[in-house]
């Protein structure tokens, strides 16, 4: 899913990390995926059958996710570092 990091780098990175559930929720909401799990979202993203509207939705999810991180003072790099330290 490297292509996702090209379209929506922040949410694409978060999807594979400790904030994956939150990222999946934002993506599912914008794409109309009823099951907001990482598995359901990645299945849709990997299907290769995304419409232009869904790709636009990914970009909107990226913007909303960025606002969420900023409003909650979450720094993705710090979350990922803390996750590695606890492993």
PDB file of N, CA and C in Angstrom:
ATOM      1  N   UNK A   1       0.803  -1.189   0.000  1.00  0.00           N
ATOM      2  CA  UNK A   1       0.000   0.000   0.000  1.00  0.00           C
ATOM      3  C   UNK A   1       0.850   1.260   0.000  1.00  0.00           C
ATOM      4  N   UNK A   2       1.989   1.177  -0.590  1.00  0.00           N
ATOM      5  CA  UNK A   2       2.849   2.358  -0.674  1.00  0.00           C
ATOM      6  C   UNK A   2       2.173   3.496  -1.429  1.00  0.00           C
ATOM      7  N   UNK A   3       1.281   3.172  -2.345  1.00  0.00           N
ATOM      8  CA  UNK A   3       0.572   4.211  -3.101  1.00  0.00           C
ATOM      9  C   UNK A   3      -0.247   5.100  -2.178  1.00  0.00           C
ATOM     10  N   UNK A   4      -0.754   4.539  -1.083  1.00  0.00           N
ATOM     11  CA  UNK A   4      -1.550   5.330  -0.145  1.00  0.00           C
ATOM     12  C   UNK A   4      -0.717   6.437   0.474  1.00  0.00           C
ATOM     13  N   UNK A   5       0.560   6.142   0.736  1.00  0.00           N
ATOM     14  CA  UNK A   5       1.439   7.155   1.334  1.00  0.00           C
ATOM     15  C   UNK A   5       1.725   8.290   0.355  1.00  0.00           C
ATOM     16  N   UNK A   6       1.497   8.062  -0.925  1.00  0.00           N
ATOM     17  CA  UNK A   6       1.649   9.114  -1.922  1.00  0.00           C
ATOM     18  C   UNK A   6       0.436  10.048  -1.894  1.00  0.00           C
ATOM     19  N   UNK A   7      -0.742   9.473  -1.762  1.00  0.00           N
ATOM     20  CA  UNK A   7      -1.980  10.253  -1.768  1.00  0.00           C
ATOM     21  C   UNK A   7      -2.250  10.888  -0.405  1.00  0.00           C
ATOM     22  N   UNK A   8      -2.063  10.095   0.638  1.00  0.00           N
ATOM     23  CA  UNK A   8      -2.369  10.546   2.000  1.00  0.00           C
ATOM     24  C   UNK A   8      -1.266  10.053   2.938  1.00  0.00           C
ATOM     25  N   UNK A   9      -0.117  10.725   2.929  1.00  0.00           N
ATOM     26  CA  UNK A   9       1.047  10.208   3.651  1.00  0.00           C
ATOM     27  C   UNK A   9       0.855  10.047   5.160  1.00  0.00           C
ATOM     28  N   UNK A  10       0.186  10.971   5.783  1.00  0.00           N
ATOM     29  CA  UNK A  10       0.022  10.911   7.234  1.00  0.00           C
ATOM     30  C   UNK A  10      -0.855   9.735   7.642  1.00  0.00           C
ATOM     31  N   UNK A  11      -1.994   9.634   7.021  1.00  0.00           N
ATOM     32  CA  UNK A  11      -2.914   8.559   7.369  1.00  0.00           C
ATOM     33  C   UNK A  11      -2.396   7.210   6.865  1.00  0.00           C
ATOM     34  N   UNK A  12      -1.678   7.211   5.757  1.00  0.00           N
ATOM     35  CA  UNK A  12      -1.078   5.976   5.245  1.00  0.00           C
ATOM     36  C   UNK A  12      -0.035   5.421   6.197  1.00  0.00           C
ATOM     37  N   UNK A  13       0.754   6.299   6.788  1.00  0.00           N
ATOM     38  CA  UNK A  13       1.754   5.887   7.772  1.00  0.00           C
ATOM     39  C   UNK A  13       1.085   5.416   9.053  1.00  0.00           C
ATOM     40  N   UNK A  14       0.081   6.154   9.498  1.00  0.00           N
ATOM     41  CA  UNK A  14      -0.603   5.828  10.750  1.00  0.00           C
ATOM     42  C   UNK A  14      -1.322   4.487  10.661  1.00  0.00           C
ATOM     43  N   UNK A  15      -1.847   4.141   9.492  1.00  0.00           N
ATOM     44  CA  UNK A  15      -2.600   2.908   9.326  1.00  0.00           C
ATOM     45  C   UNK A  15      -1.764   1.685   9.691  1.00  0.00           C
ATOM     46  N   UNK A  16      -0.471   1.746   9.455  1.00  0.00           N
ATOM     47  CA  UNK A  16       0.401   0.621   9.767  1.00  0.00           C
ATOM     48  C   UNK A  16       1.048   0.700  11.132  1.00  0.00           C
ATOM     49  N   UNK A  17       0.665   1.662  11.953  1.00  0.00           N
ATOM     50  CA  UNK A  17       1.308   1.849  13.246  1.00  0.00           C
ATOM     51  C   UNK A  17       0.334   1.768  14.406  1.00  0.00           C
ATOM     52  N   UNK A  18       0.756   2.296  15.549  1.00  0.00           N
ATOM     53  CA  UNK A  18      -0.080   2.215  16.752  1.00  0.00           C
ATOM     54  C   UNK A  18      -1.380   3.010  16.677  1.00  0.00           C
ATOM     55  N   UNK A  19      -1.490   3.928  15.749  1.00  0.00           N
ATOM     56  CA  UNK A  19      -2.744   4.671  15.564  1.00  0.00           C
ATOM     57  C   UNK A  19      -3.546   4.127  14.382  1.00  0.00           C
ATOM     58  N   UNK A  20      -3.279   2.886  14.029  1.00  0.00           N
ATOM     59  CA  UNK A  20      -3.945   2.266  12.884  1.00  0.00           C
ATOM     60  C   UNK A  20      -5.448   2.218  13.006  1.00  0.00           C
ATOM     61  N   UNK A  21      -5.942   1.949  14.190  1.00  0.00           N
ATOM     62  CA  UNK A  21      -7.386   1.899  14.395  1.00  0.00           C
ATOM     63  C   UNK A  21      -8.046   3.237  14.152  1.00  0.00           C
ATOM     64  N   UNK A  22      -7.407   4.293  14.646  1.00  0.00           N
ATOM     65  CA  UNK A  22      -7.943   5.639  14.435  1.00  0.00           C
ATOM     66  C   UNK A  22      -7.902   5.990  12.950  1.00  0.00           C
ATOM     67  N   UNK A  23      -6.791   5.679  12.292  1.00  0.00           N
ATOM     68  CA  UNK A  23      -6.670   5.964  10.864  1.00  0.00           C
ATOM     69  C   UNK A  23      -7.726   5.196  10.076  1.00  0.00           C
ATOM     70  N   UNK A  24      -7.943   3.927  10.424  1.00  0.00           N
ATOM     71  CA  UNK A  24      -8.951   3.114   9.743  1.00  0.00           C
ATOM     72  C   UNK A  24     -10.340   3.707   9.915  1.00  0.00           C
ATOM     73  N   UNK A  25     -10.607   4.232  11.085  1.00  0.00           N
ATOM     74  CA  UNK A  25     -11.904   4.848  11.354  1.00  0.00           C
ATOM     75  C   UNK A  25     -12.135   6.070  10.463  1.00  0.00           C
ATOM     76  N   UNK A  26     -11.121   6.907  10.315  1.00  0.00           N
ATOM     77  CA  UNK A  26     -11.243   8.085   9.452  1.00  0.00           C
ATOM     78  C   UNK A  26     -11.452   7.673   8.002  1.00  0.00           C
ATOM     79  N   UNK A  27     -10.696   6.683   7.545  1.00  0.00           N
ATOM     80  CA  UNK A  27     -10.820   6.219   6.159  1.00  0.00           C
ATOM     81  C   UNK A  27     -12.195   5.591   5.935  1.00  0.00           C
ATOM     82  N   UNK A  28     -12.617   4.729   6.842  1.00  0.00           N
ATOM     83  CA  UNK A  28     -13.910   4.055   6.701  1.00  0.00           C
ATOM     84  C   UNK A  28     -15.041   5.068   6.641  1.00  0.00           C
ATOM     85  N   UNK A  29     -14.949   6.094   7.457  1.00  0.00           N
ATOM     86  CA  UNK A  29     -15.990   7.120   7.455  1.00  0.00           C
ATOM     87  C   UNK A  29     -16.098   7.836   6.123  1.00  0.00           C
ATOM     88  N   UNK A  30     -14.963   8.144   5.525  1.00  0.00           N
ATOM     89  CA  UNK A  30     -14.970   8.872   4.246  1.00  0.00           C
ATOM     90  C   UNK A  30     -15.321   7.979   3.058  1.00  0.00           C
ATOM     91  N   UNK A  31     -15.000   6.684   3.160  1.00  0.00           N
ATOM     92  CA  UNK A  31     -15.257   5.787   2.034  1.00  0.00           C
ATOM     93  C   UNK A  31     -16.570   5.024   2.168  1.00  0.00           C
ATOM     94  N   UNK A  32     -17.251   5.191   3.302  1.00  0.00           N
ATOM     95  CA  UNK A  32     -18.510   4.489   3.509  1.00  0.00           C
ATOM     96  C   UNK A  32     -18.346   3.007   3.777  1.00  0.00           C
ATOM     97  N   UNK A  33     -17.230   2.627   4.378  1.00  0.00           N
ATOM     98  CA  UNK A  33     -16.994   1.231   4.724  1.00  0.00           C
ATOM     99  C   UNK A  33     -17.680   0.972   6.068  1.00  0.00           C
ATOM    100  N   UNK A  34     -18.642   0.045   6.107  1.00  0.00           N
ATOM    101  CA  UNK A  34     -19.402  -0.151   7.337  1.00  0.00           C
ATOM    102  C   UNK A  34     -18.566  -0.680   8.505  1.00  0.00           C
ATOM    103  N   UNK A  35     -17.574  -1.499   8.227  1.00  0.00           N
ATOM    104  CA  UNK A  35     -16.726  -2.074   9.267  1.00  0.00           C
ATOM    105  C   UNK A  35     -15.436  -1.264   9.336  1.00  0.00           C
ATOM    106  N   UNK A  36     -15.290  -0.444  10.366  1.00  0.00           N
ATOM    107  CA  UNK A  36     -14.148   0.478  10.464  1.00  0.00           C
ATOM    108  C   UNK A  36     -12.934  -0.176  11.108  1.00  0.00           C
ATOM    109  N   UNK A  37     -12.606  -1.394  10.675  1.00  0.00           N
ATOM    110  CA  UNK A  37     -11.424  -2.076  11.192  1.00  0.00           C
ATOM    111  C   UNK A  37     -10.267  -1.923  10.210  1.00  0.00           C
ATOM    112  N   UNK A  38      -9.079  -2.143  10.706  1.00  0.00           N
ATOM    113  CA  UNK A  38      -7.891  -2.060   9.840  1.00  0.00           C
ATOM    114  C   UNK A  38      -8.006  -3.075   8.707  1.00  0.00           C
ATOM    115  N   UNK A  39      -8.449  -4.280   9.020  1.00  0.00           N
ATOM    116  CA  UNK A  39      -8.565  -5.331   8.004  1.00  0.00           C
ATOM    117  C   UNK A  39      -9.560  -4.944   6.912  1.00  0.00           C
ATOM    118  N   UNK A  40     -10.734  -4.461   7.304  1.00  0.00           N
ATOM    119  CA  UNK A  40     -11.749  -4.084   6.311  1.00  0.00           C
ATOM    120  C   UNK A  40     -11.259  -2.944   5.437  1.00  0.00           C
ATOM    121  N   UNK A  41     -10.612  -1.962   6.043  1.00  0.00           N
ATOM    122  CA  UNK A  41     -10.115  -0.803   5.294  1.00  0.00           C
ATOM    123  C   UNK A  41      -8.996  -1.223   4.342  1.00  0.00           C
ATOM    124  N   UNK A  42      -8.051  -2.011   4.821  1.00  0.00           N
ATOM    125  CA  UNK A  42      -6.947  -2.417   3.947  1.00  0.00           C
ATOM    126  C   UNK A  42      -7.443  -3.318   2.817  1.00  0.00           C
ATOM    127  N   UNK A  43      -8.479  -4.120   3.073  1.00  0.00           N
ATOM    128  CA  UNK A  43      -9.054  -4.935   1.984  1.00  0.00           C
ATOM    129  C   UNK A  43      -9.582  -4.045   0.864  1.00  0.00           C
ATOM    130  N   UNK A  44     -10.294  -2.985   1.235  1.00  0.00           N
ATOM    131  CA  UNK A  44     -10.827  -2.057   0.226  1.00  0.00           C
ATOM    132  C   UNK A  44      -9.684  -1.338  -0.481  1.00  0.00           C
ATOM    133  N   UNK A  45      -8.698  -0.878   0.288  1.00  0.00           N
ATOM    134  CA  UNK A  45      -7.584  -0.146  -0.307  1.00  0.00           C
ATOM    135  C   UNK A  45      -6.760  -1.025  -1.240  1.00  0.00           C
ATOM    136  N   UNK A  46      -6.653  -2.299  -0.918  1.00  0.00           N
ATOM    137  CA  UNK A  46      -5.867  -3.220  -1.740  1.00  0.00           C
ATOM    138  C   UNK A  46      -6.661  -3.831  -2.892  1.00  0.00           C
ATOM    139  N   UNK A  47      -7.951  -3.541  -2.964  1.00  0.00           N
ATOM    140  CA  UNK A  47      -8.796  -4.165  -3.983  1.00  0.00           C
ATOM    141  C   UNK A  47      -8.441  -3.724  -5.399  1.00  0.00           C
ATOM    142  N   UNK A  48      -7.862  -2.523  -5.528  1.00  0.00           N
ATOM    143  CA  UNK A  48      -7.544  -2.008  -6.849  1.00  0.00           C
ATOM    144  C   UNK A  48      -8.768  -1.512  -7.606  1.00  0.00           C
ATOM    145  N   UNK A  49      -9.881  -1.360  -6.898  1.00  0.00           N
ATOM    146  CA  UNK A  49     -11.126  -0.950  -7.536  1.00  0.00           C
ATOM    147  C   UNK A  49     -11.675   0.342  -6.940  1.00  0.00           C
ATOM    148  N   UNK A  50     -10.798   1.244  -6.579  1.00  0.00           N
ATOM    149  CA  UNK A  50     -11.251   2.493  -5.970  1.00  0.00           C
ATOM    150  C   UNK A  50     -11.679   3.483  -7.046  1.00  0.00           C
ATOM    151  N   UNK A  51     -12.777   4.154  -6.777  1.00  0.00           N
ATOM    152  CA  UNK A  51     -13.299   5.154  -7.706  1.00  0.00           C
ATOM    153  C   UNK A  51     -12.585   6.490  -7.455  1.00  0.00           C
ATOM    154  N   UNK A  52     -12.689   7.416  -8.391  1.00  0.00           N
ATOM    155  CA  UNK A  52     -12.118   8.745  -8.161  1.00  0.00           C
ATOM    156  C   UNK A  52     -12.717   9.417  -6.916  1.00  0.00           C
ATOM    157  N   UNK A  53     -14.001   9.165  -6.667  1.00  0.00           N
ATOM    158  CA  UNK A  53     -14.645   9.733  -5.484  1.00  0.00           C
ATOM    159  C   UNK A  53     -14.025   9.174  -4.200  1.00  0.00           C
ATOM    160  N   UNK A  54     -13.696   7.896  -4.197  1.00  0.00           N
ATOM    161  CA  UNK A  54     -13.077   7.288  -3.023  1.00  0.00           C
ATOM    162  C   UNK A  54     -11.667   7.847  -2.814  1.00  0.00           C
ATOM    163  N   UNK A  55     -10.952   8.078  -3.885  1.00  0.00           N
ATOM    164  CA  UNK A  55      -9.608   8.655  -3.756  1.00  0.00           C
ATOM    165  C   UNK A  55      -9.717  10.068  -3.195  1.00  0.00           C
ATOM    166  N   UNK A  56     -10.713  10.816  -3.621  1.00  0.00           N
ATOM    167  CA  UNK A  56     -10.964  12.138  -3.034  1.00  0.00           C
ATOM    168  C   UNK A  56     -11.285  11.998  -1.559  1.00  0.00           C
ATOM    169  N   UNK A  57     -12.060  10.976  -1.223  1.00  0.00           N
ATOM    170  CA  UNK A  57     -12.394  10.714   0.170  1.00  0.00           C
ATOM    171  C   UNK A  57     -11.163  10.440   1.016  1.00  0.00           C
ATOM    172  N   UNK A  58     -10.183   9.754   0.426  1.00  0.00           N
ATOM    173  CA  UNK A  58      -8.923   9.505   1.145  1.00  0.00           C
ATOM    174  C   UNK A  58      -8.211  10.809   1.463  1.00  0.00           C
ATOM    175  N   UNK A  59      -8.221  11.713   0.510  1.00  0.00           N
ATOM    176  CA  UNK A  59      -7.578  13.007   0.734  1.00  0.00           C
ATOM    177  C   UNK A  59      -8.302  13.793   1.826  1.00  0.00           C
ATOM    178  N   UNK A  60      -9.626  13.709   1.843  1.00  0.00           N
ATOM    179  CA  UNK A  60     -10.395  14.368   2.904  1.00  0.00           C
ATOM    180  C   UNK A  60     -10.139  13.707   4.260  1.00  0.00           C
ATOM    181  N   UNK A  61     -10.006  12.384   4.260  1.00  0.00           N
ATOM    182  CA  UNK A  61      -9.686  11.673   5.503  1.00  0.00           C
ATOM    183  C   UNK A  61      -8.329  12.117   6.024  1.00  0.00           C
ATOM    184  N   UNK A  62      -7.386  12.339   5.127  1.00  0.00           N
ATOM    185  CA  UNK A  62      -6.052  12.818   5.502  1.00  0.00           C
ATOM    186  C   UNK A  62      -6.155  14.173   6.203  1.00  0.00           C
ATOM    187  N   UNK A  63      -6.939  15.070   5.644  1.00  0.00           N
ATOM    188  CA  UNK A  63      -7.097  16.411   6.229  1.00  0.00           C
ATOM    189  C   UNK A  63      -7.753  16.318   7.604  1.00  0.00           C
ATOM    190  N   UNK A  64      -8.825  15.539   7.700  1.00  0.00           N
ATOM    191  CA  UNK A  64      -9.513  15.383   8.982  1.00  0.00           C
ATOM    192  C   UNK A  64      -8.624  14.718  10.027  1.00  0.00           C
ATOM    193  N   UNK A  65      -7.843  13.730   9.611  1.00  0.00           N
ATOM    194  CA  UNK A  65      -6.939  13.034  10.531  1.00  0.00           C
ATOM    195  C   UNK A  65      -5.866  13.992  11.041  1.00  0.00           C
ATOM    196  N   UNK A  66      -5.345  14.812  10.154  1.00  0.00           N
ATOM    197  CA  UNK A  66      -4.342  15.797  10.556  1.00  0.00           C
ATOM    198  C   UNK A  66      -4.925  16.777  11.576  1.00  0.00           C
ATOM    199  N   UNK A  67      -6.147  17.229  11.347  1.00  0.00           N
ATOM    200  CA  UNK A  67      -6.806  18.124  12.306  1.00  0.00           C
ATOM    201  C   UNK A  67      -7.004  17.429  13.647  1.00  0.00           C
ATOM    202  N   UNK A  68      -7.379  16.148  13.611  1.00  0.00           N
ATOM    203  CA  UNK A  68      -7.558  15.366  14.833  1.00  0.00           C
ATOM    204  C   UNK A  68      -6.258  15.289  15.624  1.00  0.00           C
ATOM    205  N   UNK A  69      -5.163  14.984  14.936  1.00  0.00           N
ATOM    206  CA  UNK A  69      -3.862  14.890  15.607  1.00  0.00           C
ATOM    207  C   UNK A  69      -3.476  16.233  16.219  1.00  0.00           C
ATOM    208  N   UNK A  70      -3.656  17.295  15.461  1.00  0.00           N
ATOM    209  CA  UNK A  70      -3.288  18.630  15.950  1.00  0.00           C
ATOM    210  C   UNK A  70      -4.152  19.057  17.134  1.00  0.00           C
ATOM    211  N   UNK A  71      -5.438  18.821  17.060  1.00  0.00           N
ATOM    212  CA  UNK A  71      -6.329  19.259  18.143  1.00  0.00           C
ATOM    213  C   UNK A  71      -6.109  18.458  19.424  1.00  0.00           C
ATOM    214  N   UNK A  72      -5.601  17.239  19.287  1.00  0.00           N
ATOM    215  CA  UNK A  72      -5.319  16.405  20.455  1.00  0.00           C
ATOM    216  C   UNK A  72      -3.837  16.401  20.823  1.00  0.00           C
ATOM    217  N   UNK A  73      -3.083  17.253  20.147  1.00  0.00           N
ATOM    218  CA  UNK A  73      -1.646  17.395  20.396  1.00  0.00           C
ATOM    219  C   UNK A  73      -0.908  16.048  20.327  1.00  0.00           C
ATOM    220  N   UNK A  74      -1.251  15.275  19.304  1.00  0.00           N
ATOM    221  CA  UNK A  74      -0.617  13.972  19.084  1.00  0.00           C
ATOM    222  C   UNK A  74       0.431  14.136  17.993  1.00  0.00           C
ATOM    223  N   UNK A  75       1.627  13.703  18.295  1.00  0.00           N
ATOM    224  CA  UNK A  75       2.706  13.725  17.305  1.00  0.00           C
ATOM    225  C   UNK A  75       2.987  12.288  16.902  1.00  0.00           C
ATOM    226  N   UNK A  76       2.714  11.968  15.651  1.00  0.00           N
ATOM    227  CA  UNK A  76       2.819  10.610  15.140  1.00  0.00           C
ATOM    228  C   UNK A  76       4.200  10.017  15.382  1.00  0.00           C
ATOM    229  N   UNK A  77       5.241  10.821  15.215  1.00  0.00           N
ATOM    230  CA  UNK A  77       6.605  10.322  15.413  1.00  0.00           C
ATOM    231  C   UNK A  77       6.827   9.882  16.864  1.00  0.00           C
ATOM    232  N   UNK A  78       6.292  10.653  17.812  1.00  0.00           N
ATOM    233  CA  UNK A  78       6.463  10.324  19.229  1.00  0.00           C
ATOM    234  C   UNK A  78       5.675   9.072  19.599  1.00  0.00           C
ATOM    235  N   UNK A  79       4.497   8.914  19.029  1.00  0.00           N
ATOM    236  CA  UNK A  79       3.694   7.720  19.298  1.00  0.00           C
ATOM    237  C   UNK A  79       4.415   6.487  18.772  1.00  0.00           C
ATOM    238  N   UNK A  80       4.958   6.578  17.579  1.00  0.00           N
ATOM    239  CA  UNK A  80       5.673   5.438  16.987  1.00  0.00           C
ATOM    240  C   UNK A  80       6.923   5.110  17.797  1.00  0.00           C
ATOM    241  N   UNK A  81       7.644   6.127  18.267  1.00  0.00           N
ATOM    242  CA  UNK A  81       8.842   5.887  19.076  1.00  0.00           C
ATOM    243  C   UNK A  81       8.475   5.221  20.403  1.00  0.00           C
ATOM    244  N   UNK A  82       7.419   5.685  21.033  1.00  0.00           N
ATOM    245  CA  UNK A  82       6.976   5.085  22.296  1.00  0.00           C
ATOM    246  C   UNK A  82       6.545   3.639  22.087  1.00  0.00           C
ATOM    247  N   UNK A  83       5.915   3.370  20.956  1.00  0.00           N
ATOM    248  CA  UNK A  83       5.488   2.016  20.645  1.00  0.00           C
ATOM    249  C   UNK A  83       6.686   1.084  20.471  1.00  0.00           C
ATOM    250  N   UNK A  84       7.742   1.576  19.815  1.00  0.00           N
ATOM    251  CA  UNK A  84       8.949   0.765  19.629  1.00  0.00           C
ATOM    252  C   UNK A  84       9.645   0.512  20.956  1.00  0.00           C
ATOM    253  N   UNK A  85       9.641   1.512  21.830  1.00  0.00           N
ATOM    254  CA  UNK A  85      10.293   1.353  23.128  1.00  0.00           C
ATOM    255  C   UNK A  85       9.601   0.312  23.996  1.00  0.00           C
ATOM    256  N   UNK A  86       8.281   0.213  23.874  1.00  0.00           N
ATOM    257  CA  UNK A  86       7.536  -0.715  24.702  1.00  0.00           C
ATOM    258  C   UNK A  86       7.571  -2.143  24.140  1.00  0.00           C
ATOM    259  N   UNK A  87       8.090  -2.307  22.944  1.00  0.00           N
ATOM    260  CA  UNK A  87       8.111  -3.639  22.322  1.00  0.00           C
ATOM    261  C   UNK A  87       9.154  -4.534  22.933  1.00  0.00           C
TER     262      UNK A  87
END
